[in-house]
Amino acid sequence: MIMAFRIVVDPRAIDDIQQAIAFLDEKQPGLGKRFDAELNKFVLRLGKNPFFRIRYDSVRCLPLQKFPYMIHFTVDETKKLVTIQAIFHTSRDPENLKKRS
């Protein structure tokens, strides 16, 4: 499979992923692993086509299908680079993401 864009994951997004997995595993053992598998599918999708809707500033969002989380990312077309900035639960206020910058 050829990826048109290289994917870089911000360390804060890695923390988001780890927290989501831990939270979901507390709710139901194995749920975190299923979340991680779903997330990986969507990250691969971004590598092929990252041109999803811009939600705020230059940040685009891709919602997961089976979990209430969104991938927040930017695209640098010149460098063919997708930078994942956050994995955020959809019930949380995206203004919190702006404060992280």
N, C-alpha and C. Protein backbone atom coordinates (compact mmCIF):
# COMPACT_ATOMS: atom_id res chain seq x y z
N MET A 1 0.85 -1.17 0.00
CA MET A 1 0.00 0.00 0.00
C MET A 1 0.90 1.24 0.00
N ILE A 2 0.65 2.13 -0.93
CA ILE A 2 1.44 3.35 -1.03
C ILE A 2 0.73 4.48 -0.31
N MET A 3 1.48 5.15 0.56
CA MET A 3 0.92 6.29 1.28
C MET A 3 1.36 7.56 0.55
N ALA A 4 0.41 8.39 0.23
CA ALA A 4 0.71 9.63 -0.47
C ALA A 4 1.31 10.66 0.49
N PHE A 5 0.94 10.56 1.78
CA PHE A 5 1.40 11.51 2.78
C PHE A 5 2.07 10.77 3.93
N ARG A 6 3.13 11.37 4.44
CA ARG A 6 3.80 10.83 5.62
C ARG A 6 3.02 11.30 6.84
N ILE A 7 2.92 10.45 7.85
CA ILE A 7 2.18 10.76 9.07
C ILE A 7 3.16 10.98 10.21
N VAL A 8 2.97 12.10 10.92
CA VAL A 8 3.74 12.37 12.14
C VAL A 8 2.73 12.57 13.26
N VAL A 9 2.99 11.95 14.40
CA VAL A 9 2.08 12.06 15.54
C VAL A 9 2.76 12.89 16.62
N ASP A 10 2.12 14.00 16.97
CA ASP A 10 2.62 14.88 18.03
C ASP A 10 2.65 14.09 19.35
N PRO A 11 3.67 14.31 20.19
CA PRO A 11 3.73 13.60 21.47
C PRO A 11 2.47 13.78 22.33
N ARG A 12 1.82 14.94 22.23
CA ARG A 12 0.58 15.15 23.00
C ARG A 12 -0.54 14.26 22.48
N ALA A 13 -0.54 13.99 21.18
CA ALA A 13 -1.54 13.08 20.61
C ALA A 13 -1.27 11.65 21.07
N ILE A 14 0.00 11.29 21.21
CA ILE A 14 0.34 9.97 21.73
C ILE A 14 -0.20 9.83 23.16
N ASP A 15 -0.05 10.89 23.96
CA ASP A 15 -0.63 10.89 25.31
C ASP A 15 -2.15 10.73 25.25
N ASP A 16 -2.79 11.43 24.30
CA ASP A 16 -4.24 11.32 24.14
C ASP A 16 -4.64 9.87 23.88
N ILE A 17 -3.89 9.22 23.00
CA ILE A 17 -4.19 7.83 22.63
C ILE A 17 -4.04 6.92 23.85
N GLN A 18 -2.94 7.09 24.57
CA GLN A 18 -2.70 6.25 25.75
C GLN A 18 -3.79 6.45 26.80
N GLN A 19 -4.20 7.70 27.00
CA GLN A 19 -5.27 7.98 27.97
C GLN A 19 -6.59 7.37 27.52
N ALA A 20 -6.89 7.46 26.23
CA ALA A 20 -8.14 6.89 25.71
C ALA A 20 -8.15 5.37 25.88
N ILE A 21 -7.03 4.74 25.57
CA ILE A 21 -6.95 3.28 25.70
C ILE A 21 -7.14 2.88 27.16
N ALA A 22 -6.48 3.57 28.08
CA ALA A 22 -6.61 3.25 29.51
C ALA A 22 -8.05 3.47 29.97
N PHE A 23 -8.66 4.56 29.56
CA PHE A 23 -10.04 4.87 29.94
C PHE A 23 -11.00 3.79 29.42
N LEU A 24 -10.83 3.42 28.16
CA LEU A 24 -11.73 2.43 27.56
C LEU A 24 -11.53 1.05 28.17
N ASP A 25 -10.28 0.69 28.49
CA ASP A 25 -10.02 -0.60 29.12
C ASP A 25 -10.60 -0.68 30.53
N GLU A 26 -10.68 0.47 31.20
CA GLU A 26 -11.34 0.49 32.52
C GLU A 26 -12.82 0.18 32.37
N LYS A 27 -13.41 0.71 31.32
CA LYS A 27 -14.84 0.48 31.09
C LYS A 27 -15.12 -0.97 30.71
N GLN A 28 -14.25 -1.51 29.86
CA GLN A 28 -14.43 -2.89 29.40
C GLN A 28 -13.07 -3.42 28.94
N PRO A 29 -12.57 -4.49 29.56
CA PRO A 29 -11.29 -5.05 29.14
C PRO A 29 -11.29 -5.37 27.64
N GLY A 30 -10.24 -4.96 26.95
CA GLY A 30 -10.12 -5.21 25.51
C GLY A 30 -10.66 -4.08 24.64
N LEU A 31 -11.44 -3.18 25.22
CA LEU A 31 -12.03 -2.09 24.44
C LEU A 31 -10.94 -1.13 23.95
N GLY A 32 -9.92 -0.92 24.75
CA GLY A 32 -8.81 -0.06 24.35
C GLY A 32 -8.08 -0.60 23.13
N LYS A 33 -7.92 -1.92 23.09
CA LYS A 33 -7.26 -2.56 21.95
C LYS A 33 -8.10 -2.38 20.68
N ARG A 34 -9.42 -2.50 20.82
CA ARG A 34 -10.30 -2.30 19.66
C ARG A 34 -10.25 -0.85 19.19
N PHE A 35 -10.19 0.09 20.15
CA PHE A 35 -10.05 1.51 19.81
C PHE A 35 -8.76 1.74 19.03
N ASP A 36 -7.66 1.17 19.50
CA ASP A 36 -6.37 1.34 18.86
C ASP A 36 -6.39 0.80 17.42
N ALA A 37 -7.03 -0.35 17.23
CA ALA A 37 -7.13 -0.93 15.88
C ALA A 37 -7.95 -0.01 14.96
N GLU A 38 -9.06 0.51 15.47
CA GLU A 38 -9.90 1.43 14.70
C GLU A 38 -9.11 2.70 14.35
N LEU A 39 -8.41 3.22 15.33
CA LEU A 39 -7.62 4.43 15.12
C LEU A 39 -6.57 4.20 14.03
N ASN A 40 -5.89 3.08 14.08
CA ASN A 40 -4.87 2.78 13.08
C ASN A 40 -5.43 2.72 11.67
N LYS A 41 -6.64 2.17 11.52
CA LYS A 41 -7.29 2.14 10.20
C LYS A 41 -7.49 3.56 9.67
N PHE A 42 -7.93 4.45 10.55
CA PHE A 42 -8.22 5.81 10.13
C PHE A 42 -6.94 6.60 9.86
N VAL A 43 -5.88 6.31 10.60
CA VAL A 43 -4.59 6.96 10.34
C VAL A 43 -4.07 6.54 8.97
N LEU A 44 -4.22 5.28 8.62
CA LEU A 44 -3.81 4.82 7.28
C LEU A 44 -4.63 5.53 6.20
N ARG A 45 -5.89 5.75 6.47
CA ARG A 45 -6.75 6.46 5.53
C ARG A 45 -6.22 7.89 5.31
N LEU A 46 -5.78 8.53 6.39
CA LEU A 46 -5.21 9.88 6.27
C LEU A 46 -3.97 9.89 5.39
N GLY A 47 -3.18 8.85 5.46
CA GLY A 47 -1.98 8.76 4.63
C GLY A 47 -2.30 8.74 3.15
N LYS A 48 -3.46 8.21 2.81
CA LYS A 48 -3.88 8.14 1.41
C LYS A 48 -4.57 9.42 0.96
N ASN A 49 -5.43 9.97 1.84
CA ASN A 49 -6.20 11.16 1.48
C ASN A 49 -6.54 11.95 2.75
N PRO A 50 -5.78 13.00 3.03
CA PRO A 50 -6.01 13.75 4.27
C PRO A 50 -6.94 14.96 4.12
N PHE A 51 -7.57 15.09 2.98
CA PHE A 51 -8.31 16.33 2.72
C PHE A 51 -9.74 16.29 3.23
N PHE A 52 -9.85 16.18 4.54
CA PHE A 52 -11.14 16.23 5.21
C PHE A 52 -11.41 17.67 5.60
N ARG A 53 -12.60 17.94 6.01
CA ARG A 53 -13.06 19.29 6.31
C ARG A 53 -12.20 20.00 7.35
N ILE A 54 -11.89 21.26 7.08
CA ILE A 54 -11.20 22.10 8.06
C ILE A 54 -12.23 22.53 9.09
N ARG A 55 -11.94 22.25 10.36
CA ARG A 55 -12.90 22.56 11.42
C ARG A 55 -12.61 23.90 12.09
N TYR A 56 -11.35 24.21 12.29
CA TYR A 56 -10.97 25.48 12.91
C TYR A 56 -9.52 25.78 12.53
N ASP A 57 -9.22 27.07 12.39
CA ASP A 57 -7.90 27.50 11.92
C ASP A 57 -7.53 26.66 10.69
N SER A 58 -6.41 25.97 10.74
CA SER A 58 -6.04 25.10 9.61
C SER A 58 -6.16 23.63 10.00
N VAL A 59 -6.84 23.36 11.11
CA VAL A 59 -6.95 22.00 11.65
C VAL A 59 -8.15 21.29 11.03
N ARG A 60 -7.87 20.11 10.54
CA ARG A 60 -8.91 19.25 9.95
C ARG A 60 -9.25 18.17 10.98
N CYS A 61 -10.43 17.58 10.83
CA CYS A 61 -10.86 16.54 11.76
C CYS A 61 -11.42 15.35 10.99
N LEU A 62 -11.12 14.19 11.51
CA LEU A 62 -11.67 12.95 10.96
C LEU A 62 -12.25 12.16 12.13
N PRO A 63 -13.58 12.00 12.16
CA PRO A 63 -14.18 11.23 13.26
C PRO A 63 -14.02 9.73 13.04
N LEU A 64 -13.78 9.02 14.14
CA LEU A 64 -13.78 7.56 14.07
C LEU A 64 -15.22 7.10 13.96
N GLN A 65 -15.43 5.92 13.42
CA GLN A 65 -16.80 5.43 13.24
C GLN A 65 -17.34 4.73 14.48
N LYS A 66 -16.52 3.93 15.12
CA LYS A 66 -17.02 3.08 16.20
C LYS A 66 -16.80 3.66 17.60
N PHE A 67 -16.07 4.76 17.68
CA PHE A 67 -15.78 5.38 18.96
C PHE A 67 -16.01 6.89 18.84
N PRO A 68 -16.42 7.55 19.91
CA PRO A 68 -16.71 8.99 19.85
C PRO A 68 -15.45 9.85 19.98
N TYR A 69 -14.51 9.62 19.09
CA TYR A 69 -13.26 10.37 19.08
C TYR A 69 -13.03 10.94 17.69
N MET A 70 -12.27 12.04 17.65
CA MET A 70 -11.88 12.65 16.38
C MET A 70 -10.37 12.79 16.33
N ILE A 71 -9.83 12.57 15.15
CA ILE A 71 -8.41 12.83 14.90
C ILE A 71 -8.33 14.29 14.43
N HIS A 72 -7.55 15.10 15.12
CA HIS A 72 -7.33 16.50 14.76
C HIS A 72 -5.93 16.58 14.14
N PHE A 73 -5.86 17.12 12.92
CA PHE A 73 -4.58 17.09 12.21
C PHE A 73 -4.45 18.27 11.24
N THR A 74 -3.22 18.51 10.83
CA THR A 74 -2.95 19.52 9.81
C THR A 74 -2.28 18.82 8.63
N VAL A 75 -2.36 19.48 7.48
CA VAL A 75 -1.78 18.94 6.25
C VAL A 75 -0.82 19.97 5.66
N ASP A 76 0.38 19.53 5.37
CA ASP A 76 1.34 20.35 4.63
C ASP A 76 1.47 19.70 3.25
N GLU A 77 0.78 20.30 2.27
CA GLU A 77 0.77 19.71 0.93
C GLU A 77 2.14 19.73 0.29
N THR A 78 2.92 20.76 0.55
CA THR A 78 4.25 20.89 -0.05
C THR A 78 5.17 19.75 0.41
N LYS A 79 5.13 19.48 1.71
CA LYS A 79 5.99 18.43 2.28
C LYS A 79 5.33 17.05 2.25
N LYS A 80 4.06 17.01 1.79
CA LYS A 80 3.31 15.74 1.79
C LYS A 80 3.32 15.14 3.20
N LEU A 81 2.90 15.98 4.16
CA LEU A 81 3.00 15.63 5.57
C LEU A 81 1.67 15.87 6.29
N VAL A 82 1.23 14.88 7.03
CA VAL A 82 0.06 15.01 7.91
C VAL A 82 0.59 14.96 9.34
N THR A 83 0.25 15.98 10.13
CA THR A 83 0.66 16.00 11.53
C THR A 83 -0.58 15.83 12.40
N ILE A 84 -0.65 14.71 13.09
CA ILE A 84 -1.76 14.46 14.01
C ILE A 84 -1.45 15.20 15.30
N GLN A 85 -2.33 16.14 15.64
CA GLN A 85 -2.11 16.98 16.81
C GLN A 85 -2.84 16.49 18.04
N ALA A 86 -3.96 15.80 17.84
CA ALA A 86 -4.74 15.35 19.00
C ALA A 86 -5.69 14.24 18.58
N ILE A 87 -6.03 13.42 19.55
CA ILE A 87 -7.11 12.45 19.43
C ILE A 87 -8.04 12.83 20.56
N PHE A 88 -9.19 13.37 20.21
CA PHE A 88 -10.02 14.07 21.19
C PHE A 88 -11.42 13.49 21.23
N HIS A 89 -11.93 13.24 22.43
CA HIS A 89 -13.30 12.75 22.59
C HIS A 89 -14.26 13.83 22.09
N THR A 90 -15.28 13.42 21.37
CA THR A 90 -16.18 14.39 20.73
C THR A 90 -17.02 15.18 21.73
N SER A 91 -17.11 14.74 22.97
CA SER A 91 -17.89 15.50 23.95
C SER A 91 -17.07 16.63 24.58
N ARG A 92 -15.77 16.65 24.32
CA ARG A 92 -14.91 17.68 24.90
C ARG A 92 -14.89 18.92 24.02
N ASP A 93 -14.65 20.04 24.62
CA ASP A 93 -14.64 21.32 23.93
C ASP A 93 -13.34 21.47 23.15
N PRO A 94 -13.40 21.66 21.80
CA PRO A 94 -12.18 21.81 21.03
C PRO A 94 -11.37 23.05 21.39
N GLU A 95 -11.97 23.98 22.12
CA GLU A 95 -11.22 25.14 22.58
C GLU A 95 -10.05 24.70 23.46
N ASN A 96 -10.22 23.56 24.16
CA ASN A 96 -9.13 23.03 24.98
C ASN A 96 -7.90 22.69 24.14
N LEU A 97 -8.13 22.28 22.89
CA LEU A 97 -7.00 21.96 22.01
C LEU A 97 -6.21 23.22 21.69
N LYS A 98 -6.91 24.32 21.45
CA LYS A 98 -6.22 25.56 21.11
C LYS A 98 -5.31 26.01 22.25
N LYS A 99 -5.70 25.70 23.47
CA LYS A 99 -4.90 26.08 24.64
C LYS A 99 -3.62 25.27 24.74
N ARG A 100 -3.60 24.10 24.11
CA ARG A 100 -2.41 23.24 24.16
C ARG A 100 -1.29 23.76 23.27
N SER A 101 -1.61 24.54 22.28
CA SER A 101 -0.60 24.98 21.29
C SER A 101 0.50 25.80 21.92
